[in-house]
Amino acid sequence: MKIKTYAEYIATGETPEILFWVGCAGSFDQRAQKVTKAFAKILNHAGVEFAVLGTEEGCTGDPAKRAGNEFLFQMQAANNIAVMNEYGVKKVVTACPHCFNTIKNEYPSLGGNYEVVHHTMFLQQLLNEGRLAVEGGSFKGKKITYHDSCYLGRANGVYEAPRELLEAFEIEVIEMKRCKSNGLCCGAGGAQMFKEAEKGNKEINVERAEEALQTGASIVAANCPFCITMMGDGMKHFNKEDEVKVMDIAEIIASAKDLI
């Protein structure tokens, strides 16, 4: 799979439709890399001209900012903004709600003004425009529950795009007890992914995995690399990882279309 960089597009005088912001997890985490590949294959299948920054992409600075290191965040943000502004980037699509939230809401005050879209929103857009058809495939008739990530849901109010994509599969979407604006965090946000938990009786991801299992769904659909890791670990806690799969919506679409 050959993915062109923004630099390669510019060198030939072309401009891609979107910049696919891969993110640290999507680049380096083995589980999240599968989501990156699935989304890229969907974009190719739908005929979307897209580019990545490749080695010119740095961390958005989200973990640094959430952990309280504003200086490091602004350094990382400034580097990314300089690269994107040099290329004249207009539209950014990312499969990570943390990257989405940071570039969309925190880069403008530092000189980075772009149209920023989460990959579930972009996939819904492709579906509505008739550029992408979604079929149930092997997922047809299955019970799926959807986990709202904090940074896409409560932080940015995006609840319907992922659900509309799932409903297009002719599957049964079963909501967890806590969902949408009342959703429960997986336990990784706010830089919690990178530290040990405080003393308590139960890990948050175990609590959330319990709620997912109570729905009787065979698949937990997610939209965030952190959520996928935490929910996956929650399923392992209950020895249910073989029975209940945790999948990104892009993986579900790509799998149903036999792209992966």
C-alpha atoms as a PDB file:
ATOM      1  CA  MET A   1       0.000   0.000   0.000  1.00  0.00           C
ATOM      2  CA  LYS A   2       1.660   3.184  -1.232  1.00  0.00           C
ATOM      3  CA  ILE A   3       0.537   6.330   0.557  1.00  0.00           C
ATOM      4  CA  LYS A   4       1.769   9.644  -0.827  1.00  0.00           C
ATOM      5  CA  THR A   5       3.071  12.362   1.470  1.00  0.00           C
ATOM      6  CA  TYR A   6       1.974  15.975   1.237  1.00  0.00           C
ATOM      7  CA  ALA A   7       5.501  16.838   0.074  1.00  0.00           C
ATOM      8  CA  GLU A   8       5.149  14.404  -2.857  1.00  0.00           C
ATOM      9  CA  TYR A   9       1.840  15.985  -3.902  1.00  0.00           C
ATOM     10  CA  ILE A  10       3.248  19.517  -3.715  1.00  0.00           C
ATOM     11  CA  ALA A  11       6.344  18.492  -5.698  1.00  0.00           C
ATOM     12  CA  THR A  12       4.116  17.546  -8.656  1.00  0.00           C
ATOM     13  CA  GLY A  13       1.962  20.662  -8.361  1.00  0.00           C
ATOM     14  CA  GLU A  14      -1.037  18.747  -7.022  1.00  0.00           C
ATOM     15  CA  THR A  15      -3.114  19.264  -3.877  1.00  0.00           C
ATOM     16  CA  PRO A  16      -4.821  16.347  -2.084  1.00  0.00           C
ATOM     17  CA  GLU A  17      -8.433  16.599  -0.933  1.00  0.00           C
ATOM     18  CA  ILE A  18      -7.470  15.945   2.687  1.00  0.00           C
ATOM     19  CA  LEU A  19      -4.511  15.558   4.998  1.00  0.00           C
ATOM     20  CA  PHE A  20      -4.866  12.292   6.922  1.00  0.00           C
ATOM     21  CA  TRP A  21      -3.399  13.042  10.356  1.00  0.00           C
ATOM     22  CA  VAL A  22      -2.241   9.617  11.529  1.00  0.00           C
ATOM     23  CA  GLY A  23      -1.270  10.499  15.112  1.00  0.00           C
ATOM     24  CA  CYS A  24       1.209   8.852  17.478  1.00  0.00           C
ATOM     25  CA  ALA A  25      -0.987   5.852  18.316  1.00  0.00           C
ATOM     26  CA  GLY A  26      -1.923   5.294  14.675  1.00  0.00           C
ATOM     27  CA  SER A  27       1.760   5.414  13.744  1.00  0.00           C
ATOM     28  CA  PHE A  28       3.437   3.422  16.515  1.00  0.00           C
ATOM     29  CA  ASP A  29       0.869   1.347  18.425  1.00  0.00           C
ATOM     30  CA  GLN A  30       0.420  -2.089  16.823  1.00  0.00           C
ATOM     31  CA  ARG A  31      -3.311  -2.217  17.537  1.00  0.00           C
ATOM     32  CA  ALA A  32      -3.961   1.331  16.298  1.00  0.00           C
ATOM     33  CA  GLN A  33      -1.889   0.708  13.148  1.00  0.00           C
ATOM     34  CA  LYS A  34      -4.651  -1.677  12.020  1.00  0.00           C
ATOM     35  CA  VAL A  35      -7.139   1.211  12.187  1.00  0.00           C
ATOM     36  CA  THR A  36      -4.776   3.444  10.197  1.00  0.00           C
ATOM     37  CA  LYS A  37      -4.500   0.814   7.461  1.00  0.00           C
ATOM     38  CA  ALA A  38      -8.252   0.136   7.426  1.00  0.00           C
ATOM     39  CA  PHE A  39      -9.088   3.835   7.057  1.00  0.00           C
ATOM     40  CA  ALA A  40      -6.456   4.325   4.332  1.00  0.00           C
ATOM     41  CA  LYS A  41      -7.897   1.367   2.394  1.00  0.00           C
ATOM     42  CA  ILE A  42     -11.405   2.832   2.657  1.00  0.00           C
ATOM     43  CA  LEU A  43     -10.116   6.187   1.349  1.00  0.00           C
ATOM     44  CA  ASN A  44      -8.437   4.435  -1.586  1.00  0.00           C
ATOM     45  CA  HIS A  45     -11.587   2.408  -2.262  1.00  0.00           C
ATOM     46  CA  ALA A  46     -13.726   5.587  -2.240  1.00  0.00           C
ATOM     47  CA  GLY A  47     -11.301   7.374  -4.561  1.00  0.00           C
ATOM     48  CA  VAL A  48     -10.339  10.057  -2.049  1.00  0.00           C
ATOM     49  CA  GLU A  49      -7.101  11.888  -2.856  1.00  0.00           C
ATOM     50  CA  PHE A  50      -5.320  12.030   0.489  1.00  0.00           C
ATOM     51  CA  ALA A  51      -1.830  12.537   1.842  1.00  0.00           C
ATOM     52  CA  VAL A  52       0.039  12.093   5.109  1.00  0.00           C
ATOM     53  CA  LEU A  53       2.846  14.203   6.511  1.00  0.00           C
ATOM     54  CA  GLY A  54       5.004  11.140   7.159  1.00  0.00           C
ATOM     55  CA  THR A  55       8.141  11.968   9.127  1.00  0.00           C
ATOM     56  CA  GLU A  56       7.116  15.632   9.199  1.00  0.00           C
ATOM     57  CA  GLU A  57       4.166  14.826  11.477  1.00  0.00           C
ATOM     58  CA  GLY A  58       4.843  15.317  15.185  1.00  0.00           C
ATOM     59  CA  CYS A  59       2.716  14.670  18.259  1.00  0.00           C
ATOM     60  CA  THR A  60      -0.117  17.215  18.467  1.00  0.00           C
ATOM     61  CA  GLY A  61       0.925  17.909  22.064  1.00  0.00           C
ATOM     62  CA  ASP A  62      -2.325  16.627  23.582  1.00  0.00           C
ATOM     63  CA  PRO A  63      -0.683  14.389  26.236  1.00  0.00           C
ATOM     64  CA  ALA A  64       1.742  17.183  27.218  1.00  0.00           C
ATOM     65  CA  LYS A  65      -1.079  19.726  27.581  1.00  0.00           C
ATOM     66  CA  ARG A  66      -3.349  17.392  29.576  1.00  0.00           C
ATOM     67  CA  ALA A  67      -0.444  16.509  31.855  1.00  0.00           C
ATOM     68  CA  GLY A  68       0.172  20.217  32.518  1.00  0.00           C
ATOM     69  CA  ASN A  69       3.249  20.886  30.361  1.00  0.00           C
ATOM     70  CA  GLU A  70       1.950  23.878  28.391  1.00  0.00           C
ATOM     71  CA  PHE A  71       5.452  24.837  27.237  1.00  0.00           C
ATOM     72  CA  LEU A  72       6.054  21.460  25.563  1.00  0.00           C
ATOM     73  CA  PHE A  73       2.548  21.524  24.050  1.00  0.00           C
ATOM     74  CA  GLN A  74       3.136  24.911  22.436  1.00  0.00           C
ATOM     75  CA  MET A  75       6.502  23.777  21.052  1.00  0.00           C
ATOM     76  CA  GLN A  76       4.952  20.670  19.493  1.00  0.00           C
ATOM     77  CA  ALA A  77       1.951  22.593  18.180  1.00  0.00           C
ATOM     78  CA  ALA A  78       4.129  25.339  16.663  1.00  0.00           C
ATOM     79  CA  ASN A  79       6.200  22.771  14.741  1.00  0.00           C
ATOM     80  CA  ASN A  80       3.109  21.087  13.299  1.00  0.00           C
ATOM     81  CA  ILE A  81       1.425  24.375  12.421  1.00  0.00           C
ATOM     82  CA  ALA A  82       4.559  25.592  10.625  1.00  0.00           C
ATOM     83  CA  VAL A  83       4.606  22.431   8.472  1.00  0.00           C
ATOM     84  CA  MET A  84       0.878  22.504   7.667  1.00  0.00           C
ATOM     85  CA  ASN A  85       0.839  26.228   6.904  1.00  0.00           C
ATOM     86  CA  GLU A  86       3.848  25.863   4.615  1.00  0.00           C
ATOM     87  CA  TYR A  87       1.941  23.254   2.591  1.00  0.00           C
ATOM     88  CA  GLY A  88      -1.278  25.258   2.657  1.00  0.00           C
ATOM     89  CA  VAL A  89      -3.264  22.488   4.350  1.00  0.00           C
ATOM     90  CA  LYS A  90      -6.994  23.234   4.411  1.00  0.00           C
ATOM     91  CA  LYS A  91      -8.724  20.047   5.611  1.00  0.00           C
ATOM     92  CA  VAL A  92      -7.458  17.592   8.232  1.00  0.00           C
ATOM     93  CA  VAL A  93      -9.029  14.187   8.936  1.00  0.00           C
ATOM     94  CA  THR A  94      -7.853  12.081  11.864  1.00  0.00           C
ATOM     95  CA  ALA A  95      -8.884   8.763  13.422  1.00  0.00           C
ATOM     96  CA  CYS A  96      -7.943  10.006  16.914  1.00  0.00           C
ATOM     97  CA  PRO A  97     -10.412  12.176  18.888  1.00  0.00           C
ATOM     98  CA  HIS A  98      -7.508  13.592  20.919  1.00  0.00           C
ATOM     99  CA  CYS A  99      -5.731  14.833  17.773  1.00  0.00           C
ATOM    100  CA  PHE A 100      -9.113  16.014  16.429  1.00  0.00           C
ATOM    101  CA  ASN A 101      -9.891  18.039  19.553  1.00  0.00           C
ATOM    102  CA  THR A 102      -6.415  19.562  19.833  1.00  0.00           C
ATOM    103  CA  ILE A 103      -6.011  20.605  16.185  1.00  0.00           C
ATOM    104  CA  LYS A 104      -9.629  21.815  15.951  1.00  0.00           C
ATOM    105  CA  ASN A 105      -9.920  23.731  19.211  1.00  0.00           C
ATOM    106  CA  GLU A 106      -6.403  24.589  20.386  1.00  0.00           C
ATOM    107  CA  TYR A 107      -4.351  25.195  17.235  1.00  0.00           C
ATOM    108  CA  PRO A 108      -6.333  28.248  15.976  1.00  0.00           C
ATOM    109  CA  SER A 109      -5.061  30.491  18.806  1.00  0.00           C
ATOM    110  CA  LEU A 110      -1.511  29.525  17.777  1.00  0.00           C
ATOM    111  CA  GLY A 111      -2.039  30.291  14.078  1.00  0.00           C
ATOM    112  CA  GLY A 112      -3.276  26.904  12.875  1.00  0.00           C
ATOM    113  CA  ASN A 113      -6.683  27.350  11.234  1.00  0.00           C
ATOM    114  CA  TYR A 114      -7.994  24.282   9.401  1.00  0.00           C
ATOM    115  CA  GLU A 115     -11.210  22.403   8.795  1.00  0.00           C
ATOM    116  CA  VAL A 116     -10.759  19.464  11.153  1.00  0.00           C
ATOM    117  CA  VAL A 117     -12.918  16.345  10.835  1.00  0.00           C
ATOM    118  CA  HIS A 118     -12.935  13.073  12.762  1.00  0.00           C
ATOM    119  CA  HIS A 119     -12.775   9.993  10.545  1.00  0.00           C
ATOM    120  CA  THR A 120     -16.285   8.845  11.521  1.00  0.00           C
ATOM    121  CA  MET A 121     -17.642  12.229  10.391  1.00  0.00           C
ATOM    122  CA  PHE A 122     -15.720  11.985   7.118  1.00  0.00           C
ATOM    123  CA  LEU A 123     -16.937   8.429   6.484  1.00  0.00           C
ATOM    124  CA  GLN A 124     -20.519   9.567   7.115  1.00  0.00           C
ATOM    125  CA  GLN A 125     -19.920  12.412   4.639  1.00  0.00           C
ATOM    126  CA  LEU A 126     -18.676   9.931   2.003  1.00  0.00           C
ATOM    127  CA  LEU A 127     -21.739   7.757   2.665  1.00  0.00           C
ATOM    128  CA  ASN A 128     -24.143  10.710   2.291  1.00  0.00           C
ATOM    129  CA  GLU A 129     -22.437  11.841  -0.928  1.00  0.00           C
ATOM    130  CA  GLY A 130     -22.716   8.366  -2.435  1.00  0.00           C
ATOM    131  CA  ARG A 131     -18.935   7.959  -2.606  1.00  0.00           C
ATOM    132  CA  LEU A 132     -18.992   5.059  -0.149  1.00  0.00           C
ATOM    133  CA  ALA A 133     -21.527   2.245   0.106  1.00  0.00           C
ATOM    134  CA  VAL A 134     -21.833   0.386   3.404  1.00  0.00           C
ATOM    135  CA  GLU A 135     -23.102  -3.183   3.482  1.00  0.00           C
ATOM    136  CA  GLY A 136     -23.640  -5.399   6.488  1.00  0.00           C
ATOM    137  CA  GLY A 137     -21.629  -8.309   5.133  1.00  0.00           C
ATOM    138  CA  SER A 138     -20.682 -10.684   7.927  1.00  0.00           C
ATOM    139  CA  PHE A 139     -21.897  -8.097  10.466  1.00  0.00           C
ATOM    140  CA  LYS A 140     -25.512  -8.111   9.276  1.00  0.00           C
ATOM    141  CA  GLY A 141     -27.909  -8.881  12.131  1.00  0.00           C
ATOM    142  CA  LYS A 142     -25.207  -8.770  14.810  1.00  0.00           C
ATOM    143  CA  LYS A 143     -25.585  -6.936  18.100  1.00  0.00           C
ATOM    144  CA  ILE A 144     -23.125  -4.075  18.455  1.00  0.00           C
ATOM    145  CA  THR A 145     -22.727  -1.539  21.238  1.00  0.00           C
ATOM    146  CA  TYR A 146     -21.023   1.789  20.667  1.00  0.00           C
ATOM    147  CA  HIS A 147     -18.666   3.451  23.153  1.00  0.00           C
ATOM    148  CA  ASP A 148     -18.591   7.271  23.017  1.00  0.00           C
ATOM    149  CA  SER A 149     -15.063   8.607  23.422  1.00  0.00           C
ATOM    150  CA  CYS A 150     -14.907  11.677  25.684  1.00  0.00           C
ATOM    151  CA  TYR A 151     -13.047  13.923  23.238  1.00  0.00           C
ATOM    152  CA  LEU A 152     -15.396  13.220  20.327  1.00  0.00           C
ATOM    153  CA  GLY A 153     -18.584  13.066  22.387  1.00  0.00           C
ATOM    154  CA  ARG A 154     -18.799  15.354  25.382  1.00  0.00           C
ATOM    155  CA  ALA A 155     -15.918  17.614  24.327  1.00  0.00           C
ATOM    156  CA  ASN A 156     -17.163  18.186  20.756  1.00  0.00           C
ATOM    157  CA  GLY A 157     -20.781  17.004  20.700  1.00  0.00           C
ATOM    158  CA  VAL A 158     -20.319  14.384  17.962  1.00  0.00           C
ATOM    159  CA  TYR A 159     -22.710  11.543  18.749  1.00  0.00           C
ATOM    160  CA  GLU A 160     -24.749  10.798  15.641  1.00  0.00           C
ATOM    161  CA  ALA A 161     -22.178  10.342  12.832  1.00  0.00           C
ATOM    162  CA  PRO A 162     -20.725   7.090  14.262  1.00  0.00           C
ATOM    163  CA  ARG A 163     -24.190   5.724  15.062  1.00  0.00           C
ATOM    164  CA  GLU A 164     -25.531   6.518  11.587  1.00  0.00           C
ATOM    165  CA  LEU A 165     -22.601   4.616  10.063  1.00  0.00           C
ATOM    166  CA  LEU A 166     -23.345   1.583  12.242  1.00  0.00           C
ATOM    167  CA  GLU A 167     -27.074   1.686  11.503  1.00  0.00           C
ATOM    168  CA  ALA A 168     -26.291   1.586   7.767  1.00  0.00           C
ATOM    169  CA  PHE A 169     -24.951  -1.944   8.352  1.00  0.00           C
ATOM    170  CA  GLU A 170     -28.391  -3.398   9.143  1.00  0.00           C
ATOM    171  CA  ILE A 171     -27.180  -4.340  12.583  1.00  0.00           C
ATOM    172  CA  GLU A 172     -28.729  -3.934  16.001  1.00  0.00           C
ATOM    173  CA  VAL A 173     -27.092  -1.096  17.926  1.00  0.00           C
ATOM    174  CA  ILE A 174     -27.631  -1.568  21.657  1.00  0.00           C
ATOM    175  CA  GLU A 175     -26.806   1.423  23.820  1.00  0.00           C
ATOM    176  CA  MET A 176     -24.939   1.031  27.081  1.00  0.00           C
ATOM    177  CA  LYS A 177     -26.510   2.291  30.301  1.00  0.00           C
ATOM    178  CA  ARG A 178     -24.273   5.368  30.146  1.00  0.00           C
ATOM    179  CA  CYS A 179     -24.015   6.788  26.629  1.00  0.00           C
ATOM    180  CA  LYS A 180     -23.886   9.997  24.592  1.00  0.00           C
ATOM    181  CA  SER A 181     -23.649  13.077  26.868  1.00  0.00           C
ATOM    182  CA  ASN A 182     -23.829  10.756  29.891  1.00  0.00           C
ATOM    183  CA  GLY A 183     -21.098   8.422  28.570  1.00  0.00           C
ATOM    184  CA  LEU A 184     -18.403   6.977  30.814  1.00  0.00           C
ATOM    185  CA  CYS A 185     -14.716   7.571  30.131  1.00  0.00           C
ATOM    186  CA  CYS A 186     -12.610   4.507  29.266  1.00  0.00           C
ATOM    187  CA  GLY A 187     -10.021   5.765  31.752  1.00  0.00           C
ATOM    188  CA  ALA A 188      -7.278   6.884  29.333  1.00  0.00           C
ATOM    189  CA  GLY A 189      -8.107  10.532  28.601  1.00  0.00           C
ATOM    190  CA  GLY A 190      -6.452  13.554  30.178  1.00  0.00           C
ATOM    191  CA  ALA A 191      -3.015  11.876  29.950  1.00  0.00           C
ATOM    192  CA  GLN A 192      -4.210   9.122  32.331  1.00  0.00           C
ATOM    193  CA  MET A 193      -3.038   6.593  29.698  1.00  0.00           C
ATOM    194  CA  PHE A 194       0.558   7.330  30.681  1.00  0.00           C
ATOM    195  CA  LYS A 195       0.385   7.020  34.468  1.00  0.00           C
ATOM    196  CA  GLU A 196      -0.637   4.563  37.136  1.00  0.00           C
ATOM    197  CA  ALA A 197      -4.182   4.790  38.468  1.00  0.00           C
ATOM    198  CA  GLU A 198      -4.896   6.380  41.838  1.00  0.00           C
ATOM    199  CA  LYS A 199      -5.977   4.130  44.678  1.00  0.00           C
ATOM    200  CA  GLY A 200      -9.532   2.835  44.292  1.00  0.00           C
ATOM    201  CA  ASN A 201     -11.707  -0.262  44.191  1.00  0.00           C
ATOM    202  CA  LYS A 202     -11.985  -0.777  40.439  1.00  0.00           C
ATOM    203  CA  GLU A 203     -10.309   0.376  37.224  1.00  0.00           C
ATOM    204  CA  ILE A 204     -12.557   2.573  35.056  1.00  0.00           C
ATOM    205  CA  ASN A 205     -12.001   0.431  31.958  1.00  0.00           C
ATOM    206  CA  VAL A 206     -13.196  -2.639  33.898  1.00  0.00           C
ATOM    207  CA  GLU A 207     -16.354  -0.754  34.924  1.00  0.00           C
ATOM    208  CA  ARG A 208     -16.941   0.304  31.291  1.00  0.00           C
ATOM    209  CA  ALA A 209     -16.250  -3.207  29.953  1.00  0.00           C
ATOM    210  CA  GLU A 210     -18.845  -4.522  32.409  1.00  0.00           C
ATOM    211  CA  GLU A 211     -21.429  -2.119  30.978  1.00  0.00           C
ATOM    212  CA  ALA A 212     -20.569  -3.230  27.436  1.00  0.00           C
ATOM    213  CA  LEU A 213     -20.899  -6.914  28.361  1.00  0.00           C
ATOM    214  CA  GLN A 214     -24.306  -6.284  29.971  1.00  0.00           C
ATOM    215  CA  THR A 215     -25.689  -5.301  26.537  1.00  0.00           C
ATOM    216  CA  GLY A 216     -25.067  -8.809  25.190  1.00  0.00           C
ATOM    217  CA  ALA A 217     -23.316  -7.325  22.133  1.00  0.00           C
ATOM    218  CA  SER A 218     -20.666  -9.376  20.319  1.00  0.00           C
ATOM    219  CA  ILE A 219     -18.795  -6.257  19.140  1.00  0.00           C
ATOM    220  CA  VAL A 220     -17.881  -3.035  20.933  1.00  0.00           C
ATOM    221  CA  ALA A 221     -17.517  -0.300  18.322  1.00  0.00           C
ATOM    222  CA  ALA A 222     -15.151   2.555  19.184  1.00  0.00           C
ATOM    223  CA  ASN A 223     -13.547   5.529  17.455  1.00  0.00           C
ATOM    224  CA  CYS A 224     -10.394   6.206  19.481  1.00  0.00           C
ATOM    225  CA  PRO A 225      -7.076   4.342  19.816  1.00  0.00           C
ATOM    226  CA  PHE A 226      -7.009   4.920  23.580  1.00  0.00           C
ATOM    227  CA  CYS A 227     -10.571   3.640  24.002  1.00  0.00           C
ATOM    228  CA  ILE A 228      -9.800   0.558  21.905  1.00  0.00           C
ATOM    229  CA  THR A 229      -6.809  -0.274  24.127  1.00  0.00           C
ATOM    230  CA  MET A 230      -8.694   0.288  27.385  1.00  0.00           C
ATOM    231  CA  MET A 231     -11.846  -1.556  26.314  1.00  0.00           C
ATOM    232  CA  GLY A 232      -9.736  -4.393  24.925  1.00  0.00           C
ATOM    233  CA  ASP A 233      -7.933  -4.705  28.254  1.00  0.00           C
ATOM    234  CA  GLY A 234     -11.321  -4.635  29.990  1.00  0.00           C
ATOM    235  CA  MET A 235     -12.480  -7.601  27.928  1.00  0.00           C
ATOM    236  CA  LYS A 236      -9.267  -9.460  28.793  1.00  0.00           C
ATOM    237  CA  HIS A 237      -9.992  -8.801  32.491  1.00  0.00           C
ATOM    238  CA  PHE A 238     -13.203 -10.833  32.095  1.00  0.00           C
ATOM    239  CA  ASN A 239     -11.579 -13.377  29.722  1.00  0.00           C
ATOM    240  CA  LYS A 240     -14.040 -12.286  27.021  1.00  0.00           C
ATOM    241  CA  GLU A 241     -11.580 -11.060  24.390  1.00  0.00           C
ATOM    242  CA  ASP A 242     -12.398 -13.998  22.076  1.00  0.00           C
ATOM    243  CA  GLU A 243     -16.171 -13.612  22.428  1.00  0.00           C
ATOM    244  CA  VAL A 244     -16.475  -9.801  22.323  1.00  0.00           C
ATOM    245  CA  LYS A 245     -14.335  -7.930  19.807  1.00  0.00           C
ATOM    246  CA  VAL A 246     -13.416  -4.265  20.237  1.00  0.00           C
ATOM    247  CA  MET A 247     -13.229  -2.638  16.788  1.00  0.00           C
ATOM    248  CA  ASP A 248     -12.894   0.813  15.314  1.00  0.00           C
ATOM    249  CA  ILE A 249     -15.774   1.756  13.003  1.00  0.00           C
ATOM    250  CA  ALA A 250     -13.292   2.022  10.103  1.00  0.00           C
ATOM    251  CA  GLU A 251     -12.241  -1.594  10.740  1.00  0.00           C
ATOM    252  CA  ILE A 252     -15.882  -2.721  10.694  1.00  0.00           C
ATOM    253  CA  ILE A 253     -16.506  -0.980   7.355  1.00  0.00           C
ATOM    254  CA  ALA A 254     -13.244  -2.239   5.802  1.00  0.00           C
ATOM    255  CA  SER A 255     -13.882  -5.788   7.043  1.00  0.00           C
ATOM    256  CA  ALA A 256     -17.480  -5.794   5.732  1.00  0.00           C
ATOM    257  CA  LYS A 257     -16.205  -4.674   2.314  1.00  0.00           C
ATOM    258  CA  ASP A 258     -13.405  -7.303   2.366  1.00  0.00           C
ATOM    259  CA  LEU A 259     -10.756  -4.587   2.187  1.00  0.00           C
ATOM    260  CA  ILE A 260      -8.820  -6.156   5.055  1.00  0.00           C
END
